[in-house]
Amino acid sequence: PLQTRIGHFLRLLGLMLPSSPLKILSHLFIPLFLVAVLFLGPLFMMFLSKELPFQSRFQWAKCWHDLLEWIGIRNYVV
């Protein structure tokens, strides 16, 4: 009874317990894959414009300047 109440409560919240280990793994790895894909977009654009470190258009001064502004600090803290 208590376990069914907890299961019902979680379903009302929109949370469901995975029924198999494969579903648990998919719940873990799909968000990680999504984050990796979202990070690859800006990195690929920087690669194409040759702005990654040790490429021809990379500038250390601009990189440090962007880190030390308020927006840059916010991006790395948050």
PDB file of N, CA and C in Angstrom:
ATOM      1  N   PRO A   1       0.807  -1.207   0.000  1.00  0.00           N
ATOM      2  CA  PRO A   1       0.000   0.000   0.000  1.00  0.00           C
ATOM      3  C   PRO A   1       0.850   1.272   0.000  1.00  0.00           C
ATOM      4  N   LEU A   2       1.885   1.323   0.844  1.00  0.00           N
ATOM      5  CA  LEU A   2       2.711   2.534   0.884  1.00  0.00           C
ATOM      6  C   LEU A   2       3.464   2.709  -0.429  1.00  0.00           C
ATOM      7  N   GLN A   3       3.970   1.614  -0.970  1.00  0.00           N
ATOM      8  CA  GLN A   3       4.717   1.700  -2.222  1.00  0.00           C
ATOM      9  C   GLN A   3       3.795   2.114  -3.371  1.00  0.00           C
ATOM     10  N   THR A   4       2.565   1.630  -3.370  1.00  0.00           N
ATOM     11  CA  THR A   4       1.639   2.037  -4.431  1.00  0.00           C
ATOM     12  C   THR A   4       1.235   3.500  -4.268  1.00  0.00           C
ATOM     13  N   ARG A   5       1.139   3.966  -3.025  1.00  0.00           N
ATOM     14  CA  ARG A   5       0.826   5.386  -2.804  1.00  0.00           C
ATOM     15  C   ARG A   5       1.962   6.271  -3.293  1.00  0.00           C
ATOM     16  N   ILE A   6       3.187   5.844  -3.008  1.00  0.00           N
ATOM     17  CA  ILE A   6       4.345   6.621  -3.469  1.00  0.00           C
ATOM     18  C   ILE A   6       4.393   6.620  -4.991  1.00  0.00           C
ATOM     19  N   GLY A   7       4.149   5.444  -5.597  1.00  0.00           N
ATOM     20  CA  GLY A   7       4.134   5.366  -7.057  1.00  0.00           C
ATOM     21  C   GLY A   7       3.046   6.242  -7.654  1.00  0.00           C
ATOM     22  N   HIS A   8       1.868   6.247  -7.042  1.00  0.00           N
ATOM     23  CA  HIS A   8       0.761   7.087  -7.521  1.00  0.00           C
ATOM     24  C   HIS A   8       1.106   8.569  -7.366  1.00  0.00           C
ATOM     25  N   PHE A   9       1.700   8.931  -6.238  1.00  0.00           N
ATOM     26  CA  PHE A   9       2.103  10.315  -5.994  1.00  0.00           C
ATOM     27  C   PHE A   9       3.139  10.765  -7.022  1.00  0.00           C
ATOM     28  N   LEU A  10       4.127   9.915  -7.305  1.00  0.00           N
ATOM     29  CA  LEU A  10       5.144  10.272  -8.293  1.00  0.00           C
ATOM     30  C   LEU A  10       4.540  10.401  -9.687  1.00  0.00           C
ATOM     31  N   ARG A  11       3.566   9.544 -10.033  1.00  0.00           N
ATOM     32  CA  ARG A  11       2.901   9.648 -11.324  1.00  0.00           C
ATOM     33  C   ARG A  11       2.118  10.954 -11.431  1.00  0.00           C
ATOM     34  N   LEU A  12       1.511  11.388 -10.328  1.00  0.00           N
ATOM     35  CA  LEU A  12       0.794  12.663 -10.343  1.00  0.00           C
ATOM     36  C   LEU A  12       1.744  13.837 -10.579  1.00  0.00           C
ATOM     37  N   LEU A  13       2.958  13.707 -10.071  1.00  0.00           N
ATOM     38  CA  LEU A  13       3.964  14.748 -10.286  1.00  0.00           C
ATOM     39  C   LEU A  13       4.585  14.677 -11.678  1.00  0.00           C
ATOM     40  N   GLY A  14       4.294  13.615 -12.402  1.00  0.00           N
ATOM     41  CA  GLY A  14       4.877  13.448 -13.727  1.00  0.00           C
ATOM     42  C   GLY A  14       6.174  12.684 -13.708  1.00  0.00           C
ATOM     43  N   LEU A  15       6.500  12.089 -12.575  1.00  0.00           N
ATOM     44  CA  LEU A  15       7.719  11.300 -12.447  1.00  0.00           C
ATOM     45  C   LEU A  15       7.345   9.827 -12.415  1.00  0.00           C
ATOM     46  N   MET A  16       8.063   9.042 -13.185  1.00  0.00           N
ATOM     47  CA  MET A  16       7.790   7.612 -13.184  1.00  0.00           C
ATOM     48  C   MET A  16       9.084   6.870 -12.913  1.00  0.00           C
ATOM     49  N   LEU A  17       9.012   5.833 -12.108  1.00  0.00           N
ATOM     50  CA  LEU A  17      10.175   5.010 -11.845  1.00  0.00           C
ATOM     51  C   LEU A  17      10.403   4.089 -13.038  1.00  0.00           C
ATOM     52  N   PRO A  18      11.623   4.010 -13.542  1.00  0.00           N
ATOM     53  CA  PRO A  18      11.897   3.125 -14.671  1.00  0.00           C
ATOM     54  C   PRO A  18      11.672   1.664 -14.282  1.00  0.00           C
ATOM     55  N   SER A  19      11.145   0.899 -15.222  1.00  0.00           N
ATOM     56  CA  SER A  19      10.810  -0.488 -14.926  1.00  0.00           C
ATOM     57  C   SER A  19      11.937  -1.453 -15.243  1.00  0.00           C
ATOM     58  N   SER A  20      12.953  -1.014 -15.979  1.00  0.00           N
ATOM     59  CA  SER A  20      14.048  -1.922 -16.320  1.00  0.00           C
ATOM     60  C   SER A  20      15.372  -1.166 -16.274  1.00  0.00           C
ATOM     61  N   PRO A  21      16.478  -1.902 -16.125  1.00  0.00           N
ATOM     62  CA  PRO A  21      17.794  -1.239 -16.113  1.00  0.00           C
ATOM     63  C   PRO A  21      18.103  -0.500 -17.413  1.00  0.00           C
ATOM     64  N   LEU A  22      17.577  -1.004 -18.530  1.00  0.00           N
ATOM     65  CA  LEU A  22      17.813  -0.327 -19.805  1.00  0.00           C
ATOM     66  C   LEU A  22      17.162   1.053 -19.820  1.00  0.00           C
ATOM     67  N   LYS A  23      15.986   1.164 -19.234  1.00  0.00           N
ATOM     68  CA  LYS A  23      15.319   2.469 -19.166  1.00  0.00           C
ATOM     69  C   LYS A  23      16.066   3.415 -18.233  1.00  0.00           C
ATOM     70  N   ILE A  24      16.623   2.877 -17.148  1.00  0.00           N
ATOM     71  CA  ILE A  24      17.411   3.715 -16.237  1.00  0.00           C
ATOM     72  C   ILE A  24      18.609   4.290 -16.984  1.00  0.00           C
ATOM     73  N   LEU A  25      19.296   3.439 -17.763  1.00  0.00           N
ATOM     74  CA  LEU A  25      20.446   3.916 -18.530  1.00  0.00           C
ATOM     75  C   LEU A  25      20.031   4.945 -19.575  1.00  0.00           C
ATOM     76  N   SER A  26      18.887   4.732 -20.206  1.00  0.00           N
ATOM     77  CA  SER A  26      18.448   5.718 -21.197  1.00  0.00           C
ATOM     78  C   SER A  26      18.093   7.043 -20.530  1.00  0.00           C
ATOM     79  N   HIS A  27      17.528   6.992 -19.328  1.00  0.00           N
ATOM     80  CA  HIS A  27      17.213   8.231 -18.608  1.00  0.00           C
ATOM     81  C   HIS A  27      18.484   8.972 -18.200  1.00  0.00           C
ATOM     82  N   LEU A  28      19.577   8.251 -18.027  1.00  0.00           N
ATOM     83  CA  LEU A  28      20.835   8.894 -17.667  1.00  0.00           C
ATOM     84  C   LEU A  28      21.592   9.413 -18.884  1.00  0.00           C
ATOM     85  N   PHE A  29      21.645   8.619 -19.949  1.00  0.00           N
ATOM     86  CA  PHE A  29      22.527   8.955 -21.059  1.00  0.00           C
ATOM     87  C   PHE A  29      21.902   9.864 -22.110  1.00  0.00           C
ATOM     88  N   ILE A  30      20.609   9.877 -22.253  1.00  0.00           N
ATOM     89  CA  ILE A  30      19.996  10.772 -23.239  1.00  0.00           C
ATOM     90  C   ILE A  30      20.226  12.243 -22.866  1.00  0.00           C
ATOM     91  N   PRO A  31      20.044  12.665 -21.608  1.00  0.00           N
ATOM     92  CA  PRO A  31      20.366  14.068 -21.280  1.00  0.00           C
ATOM     93  C   PRO A  31      21.850  14.393 -21.437  1.00  0.00           C
ATOM     94  N   LEU A  32      22.729  13.446 -21.101  1.00  0.00           N
ATOM     95  CA  LEU A  32      24.160  13.692 -21.285  1.00  0.00           C
ATOM     96  C   LEU A  32      24.501  13.856 -22.762  1.00  0.00           C
ATOM     97  N   PHE A  33      23.904  13.042 -23.607  1.00  0.00           N
ATOM     98  CA  PHE A  33      24.123  13.141 -25.043  1.00  0.00           C
ATOM     99  C   PHE A  33      23.605  14.477 -25.576  1.00  0.00           C
ATOM    100  N   LEU A  34      22.455  14.907 -25.092  1.00  0.00           N
ATOM    101  CA  LEU A  34      21.881  16.181 -25.526  1.00  0.00           C
ATOM    102  C   LEU A  34      22.795  17.347 -25.155  1.00  0.00           C
ATOM    103  N   VAL A  35      23.334  17.339 -23.945  1.00  0.00           N
ATOM    104  CA  VAL A  35      24.248  18.407 -23.522  1.00  0.00           C
ATOM    105  C   VAL A  35      25.502  18.402 -24.383  1.00  0.00           C
ATOM    106  N   ALA A  36      26.032  17.219 -24.673  1.00  0.00           N
ATOM    107  CA  ALA A  36      27.227  17.136 -25.515  1.00  0.00           C
ATOM    108  C   ALA A  36      26.954  17.693 -26.909  1.00  0.00           C
ATOM    109  N   VAL A  37      25.809  17.377 -27.477  1.00  0.00           N
ATOM    110  CA  VAL A  37      25.460  17.881 -28.809  1.00  0.00           C
ATOM    111  C   VAL A  37      25.298  19.398 -28.774  1.00  0.00           C
ATOM    112  N   LEU A  38      24.685  19.928 -27.723  1.00  0.00           N
ATOM    113  CA  LEU A  38      24.498  21.378 -27.631  1.00  0.00           C
ATOM    114  C   LEU A  38      25.825  22.111 -27.485  1.00  0.00           C
ATOM    115  N   PHE A  39      26.804  21.500 -26.807  1.00  0.00           N
ATOM    116  CA  PHE A  39      28.112  22.126 -26.684  1.00  0.00           C
ATOM    117  C   PHE A  39      28.914  22.027 -27.974  1.00  0.00           C
ATOM    118  N   LEU A  40      28.646  21.025 -28.801  1.00  0.00           N
ATOM    119  CA  LEU A  40      29.408  20.869 -30.033  1.00  0.00           C
ATOM    120  C   LEU A  40      29.099  21.959 -31.057  1.00  0.00           C
ATOM    121  N   GLY A  41      27.919  22.538 -31.015  1.00  0.00           N
ATOM    122  CA  GLY A  41      27.563  23.571 -31.983  1.00  0.00           C
ATOM    123  C   GLY A  41      28.509  24.760 -31.955  1.00  0.00           C
ATOM    124  N   PRO A  42      28.652  25.443 -30.815  1.00  0.00           N
ATOM    125  CA  PRO A  42      29.582  26.580 -30.767  1.00  0.00           C
ATOM    126  C   PRO A  42      31.036  26.174 -30.999  1.00  0.00           C
ATOM    127  N   LEU A  43      31.431  24.996 -30.522  1.00  0.00           N
ATOM    128  CA  LEU A  43      32.806  24.555 -30.760  1.00  0.00           C
ATOM    129  C   LEU A  43      33.066  24.335 -32.247  1.00  0.00           C
ATOM    130  N   PHE A  44      32.101  23.773 -32.950  1.00  0.00           N
ATOM    131  CA  PHE A  44      32.263  23.551 -34.383  1.00  0.00           C
ATOM    132  C   PHE A  44      32.334  24.879 -35.133  1.00  0.00           C
ATOM    133  N   MET A  45      31.522  25.846 -34.722  1.00  0.00           N
ATOM    134  CA  MET A  45      31.575  27.161 -35.368  1.00  0.00           C
ATOM    135  C   MET A  45      32.925  27.834 -35.117  1.00  0.00           C
ATOM    136  N   MET A  46      33.458  27.696 -33.904  1.00  0.00           N
ATOM    137  CA  MET A  46      34.781  28.256 -33.625  1.00  0.00           C
ATOM    138  C   MET A  46      35.856  27.536 -34.436  1.00  0.00           C
ATOM    139  N   PHE A  47      35.696  26.235 -34.633  1.00  0.00           N
ATOM    140  CA  PHE A  47      36.648  25.483 -35.454  1.00  0.00           C
ATOM    141  C   PHE A  47      36.617  25.968 -36.898  1.00  0.00           C
ATOM    142  N   LEU A  48      35.417  26.176 -37.433  1.00  0.00           N
ATOM    143  CA  LEU A  48      35.307  26.622 -38.820  1.00  0.00           C
ATOM    144  C   LEU A  48      35.870  28.022 -39.018  1.00  0.00           C
ATOM    145  N   SER A  49      35.726  28.889 -38.021  1.00  0.00           N
ATOM    146  CA  SER A  49      36.265  30.245 -38.143  1.00  0.00           C
ATOM    147  C   SER A  49      37.697  30.339 -37.624  1.00  0.00           C
ATOM    148  N   LYS A  50      38.289  29.202 -37.268  1.00  0.00           N
ATOM    149  CA  LYS A  50      39.686  29.099 -36.812  1.00  0.00           C
ATOM    150  C   LYS A  50      39.947  29.943 -35.576  1.00  0.00           C
ATOM    151  N   GLU A  51      39.005  29.934 -34.632  1.00  0.00           N
ATOM    152  CA  GLU A  51      39.144  30.708 -33.405  1.00  0.00           C
ATOM    153  C   GLU A  51      39.407  29.836 -32.182  1.00  0.00           C
ATOM    154  N   LEU A  52      39.649  28.551 -32.381  1.00  0.00           N
ATOM    155  CA  LEU A  52      39.996  27.687 -31.257  1.00  0.00           C
ATOM    156  C   LEU A  52      41.457  27.897 -30.890  1.00  0.00           C
ATOM    157  N   PRO A  53      41.854  27.562 -29.642  1.00  0.00           N
ATOM    158  CA  PRO A  53      43.268  27.705 -29.278  1.00  0.00           C
ATOM    159  C   PRO A  53      44.174  26.950 -30.253  1.00  0.00           C
ATOM    160  N   PHE A  54      45.290  27.569 -30.564  1.00  0.00           N
ATOM    161  CA  PHE A  54      46.322  27.053 -31.458  1.00  0.00           C
ATOM    162  C   PHE A  54      45.870  27.020 -32.919  1.00  0.00           C
ATOM    163  N   GLN A  55      44.820  27.785 -33.251  1.00  0.00           N
ATOM    164  CA  GLN A  55      44.467  28.012 -34.647  1.00  0.00           C
ATOM    165  C   GLN A  55      44.836  29.445 -34.995  1.00  0.00           C
ATOM    166  N   SER A  56      44.779  29.777 -36.271  1.00  0.00           N
ATOM    167  CA  SER A  56      45.374  31.031 -36.742  1.00  0.00           C
ATOM    168  C   SER A  56      44.682  32.291 -36.230  1.00  0.00           C
ATOM    169  N   ARG A  57      43.377  32.288 -36.005  1.00  0.00           N
ATOM    170  CA  ARG A  57      42.675  33.519 -35.618  1.00  0.00           C
ATOM    171  C   ARG A  57      42.383  33.601 -34.119  1.00  0.00           C
ATOM    172  N   PHE A  58      42.943  32.700 -33.328  1.00  0.00           N
ATOM    173  CA  PHE A  58      42.708  32.728 -31.884  1.00  0.00           C
ATOM    174  C   PHE A  58      43.528  33.847 -31.254  1.00  0.00           C
ATOM    175  N   GLN A  59      42.907  34.579 -30.304  1.00  0.00           N
ATOM    176  CA  GLN A  59      43.591  35.674 -29.616  1.00  0.00           C
ATOM    177  C   GLN A  59      43.453  35.464 -28.108  1.00  0.00           C
ATOM    178  N   TRP A  60      44.593  35.318 -27.440  1.00  0.00           N
ATOM    179  CA  TRP A  60      44.569  35.115 -25.986  1.00  0.00           C
ATOM    180  C   TRP A  60      43.987  36.325 -25.274  1.00  0.00           C
ATOM    181  N   ALA A  61      44.307  37.518 -25.752  1.00  0.00           N
ATOM    182  CA  ALA A  61      43.825  38.735 -25.082  1.00  0.00           C
ATOM    183  C   ALA A  61      42.300  38.802 -25.109  1.00  0.00           C
ATOM    184  N   LYS A  62      41.685  38.482 -26.233  1.00  0.00           N
ATOM    185  CA  LYS A  62      40.227  38.502 -26.326  1.00  0.00           C
ATOM    186  C   LYS A  62      39.616  37.429 -25.428  1.00  0.00           C
ATOM    187  N   CYS A  63      40.266  36.271 -25.381  1.00  0.00           N
ATOM    188  CA  CYS A  63      39.763  35.184 -24.533  1.00  0.00           C
ATOM    189  C   CYS A  63      39.759  35.605 -23.065  1.00  0.00           C
ATOM    190  N   TRP A  64      40.858  36.190 -22.586  1.00  0.00           N
ATOM    191  CA  TRP A  64      40.927  36.618 -21.189  1.00  0.00           C
ATOM    192  C   TRP A  64      40.000  37.792 -20.927  1.00  0.00           C
ATOM    193  N   HIS A  65      39.887  38.689 -21.893  1.00  0.00           N
ATOM    194  CA  HIS A  65      39.003  39.841 -21.727  1.00  0.00           C
ATOM    195  C   HIS A  65      37.557  39.384 -21.570  1.00  0.00           C
ATOM    196  N   ASP A  66      37.139  38.411 -22.381  1.00  0.00           N
ATOM    197  CA  ASP A  66      35.769  37.891 -22.269  1.00  0.00           C
ATOM    198  C   ASP A  66      35.539  37.196 -20.932  1.00  0.00           C
ATOM    199  N   LEU A  67      36.564  36.567 -20.384  1.00  0.00           N
ATOM    200  CA  LEU A  67      36.420  35.889 -19.091  1.00  0.00           C
ATOM    201  C   LEU A  67      36.302  36.864 -17.932  1.00  0.00           C
ATOM    202  N   LEU A  68      36.932  38.015 -18.053  1.00  0.00           N
ATOM    203  CA  LEU A  68      36.993  38.939 -16.928  1.00  0.00           C
ATOM    204  C   LEU A  68      35.887  39.985 -16.935  1.00  0.00           C
ATOM    205  N   GLU A  69      35.028  39.993 -17.950  1.00  0.00           N
ATOM    206  CA  GLU A  69      33.869  40.881 -17.930  1.00  0.00           C
ATOM    207  C   GLU A  69      32.772  40.259 -17.080  1.00  0.00           C
ATOM    208  N   TRP A  70      31.772  41.059 -16.712  1.00  0.00           N
ATOM    209  CA  TRP A  70      30.692  40.563 -15.861  1.00  0.00           C
ATOM    210  C   TRP A  70      29.912  39.440 -16.527  1.00  0.00           C
ATOM    211  N   ILE A  71      29.691  39.559 -17.826  1.00  0.00           N
ATOM    212  CA  ILE A  71      28.951  38.503 -18.528  1.00  0.00           C
ATOM    213  C   ILE A  71      29.770  37.218 -18.560  1.00  0.00           C
ATOM    214  N   GLY A  72      31.059  37.338 -18.779  1.00  0.00           N
ATOM    215  CA  GLY A  72      31.918  36.157 -18.780  1.00  0.00           C
ATOM    216  C   GLY A  72      31.987  35.497 -17.421  1.00  0.00           C
ATOM    217  N   ILE A  73      32.063  36.306 -16.367  1.00  0.00           N
ATOM    218  CA  ILE A  73      32.069  35.751 -15.007  1.00  0.00           C
ATOM    219  C   ILE A  73      30.755  35.046 -14.732  1.00  0.00           C
ATOM    220  N   ARG A  74      29.654  35.669 -15.141  1.00  0.00           N
ATOM    221  CA  ARG A  74      28.341  35.041 -14.952  1.00  0.00           C
ATOM    222  C   ARG A  74      28.259  33.700 -15.683  1.00  0.00           C
ATOM    223  N   ASN A  75      28.765  33.654 -16.901  1.00  0.00           N
ATOM    224  CA  ASN A  75      28.681  32.422 -17.681  1.00  0.00           C
ATOM    225  C   ASN A  75      29.472  31.287 -17.044  1.00  0.00           C
ATOM    226  N   TYR A  76      30.582  31.585 -16.397  1.00  0.00           N
ATOM    227  CA  TYR A  76      31.378  30.526 -15.801  1.00  0.00           C
ATOM    228  C   TYR A  76      30.940  30.188 -14.386  1.00  0.00           C
ATOM    229  N   VAL A  77      30.320  31.123 -13.690  1.00  0.00           N
ATOM    230  CA  VAL A  77      29.839  30.836 -12.337  1.00  0.00           C
ATOM    231  C   VAL A  77      28.520  30.089 -12.392  1.00  0.00           C
ATOM    232  N   VAL A  78      27.638  30.540 -13.250  1.00  0.00           N
ATOM    233  CA  VAL A  78      26.317  29.919 -13.356  1.00  0.00           C
ATOM    234  C   VAL A  78      26.448  28.694 -14.203  1.00  0.00           C
TER     235      VAL A  78
END
